[in-house]
Amino acid sequence: MSGTLETRVEALEHDVSGMKAMLGGRQRVKDWRVTFGMSRNDPDFEELVRLGREIRDQQSEGGTAGVDS
């Protein structure tokens, strides 16, 4: 980290400007189809689903296990 703060900020601004130029002003499109299936075959996601199902089953049986209140 050599140089003055002003010099470092100017360098950062230059870098950001270059990145913006590379993107060409494209806007990010939010679309559920982009993320659909991302967790397929992910063992951690499967565990999350299993635990969520277990909590819902316990709650539907009248218990409050796993619920912070």
Protein backbone atom coordinates (compact mmCIF):
# COMPACT_ATOMS: atom_id res chain seq x y z
CA MET A 1 0.00 0.00 0.00
CA SER A 2 2.27 2.66 -1.21
CA GLY A 3 1.23 6.10 -2.36
CA THR A 4 -1.17 8.62 -1.03
CA LEU A 5 -4.80 7.96 -0.39
CA GLU A 6 -5.72 10.15 -3.34
CA THR A 7 -3.47 8.15 -5.68
CA ARG A 8 -4.91 4.86 -4.48
CA VAL A 9 -8.50 6.09 -4.87
CA GLU A 10 -7.73 7.29 -8.41
CA ALA A 11 -6.33 3.85 -9.26
CA LEU A 12 -9.45 2.16 -7.86
CA GLU A 13 -11.72 4.51 -9.81
CA HIS A 14 -9.76 3.70 -12.96
CA ASP A 15 -10.11 -0.05 -12.35
CA VAL A 16 -13.85 0.22 -11.66
CA SER A 17 -14.32 2.28 -14.79
CA GLY A 18 -12.58 -0.43 -16.81
CA MET A 19 -14.79 -3.13 -15.29
CA LYS A 20 -17.92 -1.15 -16.10
CA ALA A 21 -16.71 -0.75 -19.68
CA MET A 22 -16.19 -4.52 -19.97
CA LEU A 23 -19.75 -5.13 -18.81
CA GLY A 24 -21.00 -2.73 -21.44
CA GLY A 25 -23.77 -1.36 -19.26
CA ARG A 26 -25.58 -4.70 -19.14
CA GLN A 27 -28.25 -5.00 -16.51
CA ARG A 28 -28.48 -8.18 -14.49
CA VAL A 29 -31.65 -10.03 -15.33
CA LYS A 30 -33.34 -11.63 -12.34
CA ASP A 31 -34.92 -14.84 -13.51
CA TRP A 32 -35.83 -17.86 -11.43
CA ARG A 33 -34.87 -20.13 -14.33
CA VAL A 34 -31.21 -19.17 -13.88
CA THR A 35 -31.09 -20.62 -10.36
CA PHE A 36 -33.55 -23.50 -10.81
CA GLY A 37 -31.81 -26.81 -10.18
CA MET A 38 -28.59 -25.32 -8.78
CA SER A 39 -28.84 -27.51 -5.67
CA ARG A 40 -29.55 -30.73 -7.55
CA ASN A 41 -27.44 -33.60 -6.20
CA ASP A 42 -26.09 -31.41 -3.39
CA PRO A 43 -25.93 -33.49 -0.18
CA ASP A 44 -25.98 -30.38 2.03
CA PHE A 45 -29.17 -29.15 0.36
CA GLU A 46 -30.75 -32.60 0.75
CA GLU A 47 -29.92 -32.48 4.46
CA LEU A 48 -31.49 -29.02 4.71
CA VAL A 49 -34.67 -30.28 3.08
CA ARG A 50 -34.76 -33.33 5.37
CA LEU A 51 -34.34 -31.21 8.50
CA GLY A 52 -37.00 -28.74 7.36
CA ARG A 53 -39.41 -31.58 6.72
CA GLU A 54 -38.63 -33.04 10.16
CA ILE A 55 -39.36 -29.70 11.87
CA ARG A 56 -42.63 -29.27 9.96
CA ASP A 57 -43.69 -32.81 10.87
CA GLN A 58 -42.97 -32.16 14.56
CA GLN A 59 -44.93 -28.90 14.45
CA SER A 60 -47.91 -30.49 12.75
CA GLU A 61 -48.02 -33.12 15.50
CA GLY A 62 -48.55 -30.32 18.04
CA GLY A 63 -44.99 -30.14 19.30
CA THR A 64 -42.79 -27.09 19.24
CA ALA A 65 -39.44 -28.86 18.99
CA GLY A 66 -36.99 -26.97 16.83
CA VAL A 67 -38.87 -23.70 17.12
CA ASP A 68 -37.25 -20.79 18.93
CA SER A 69 -39.75 -18.54 20.64
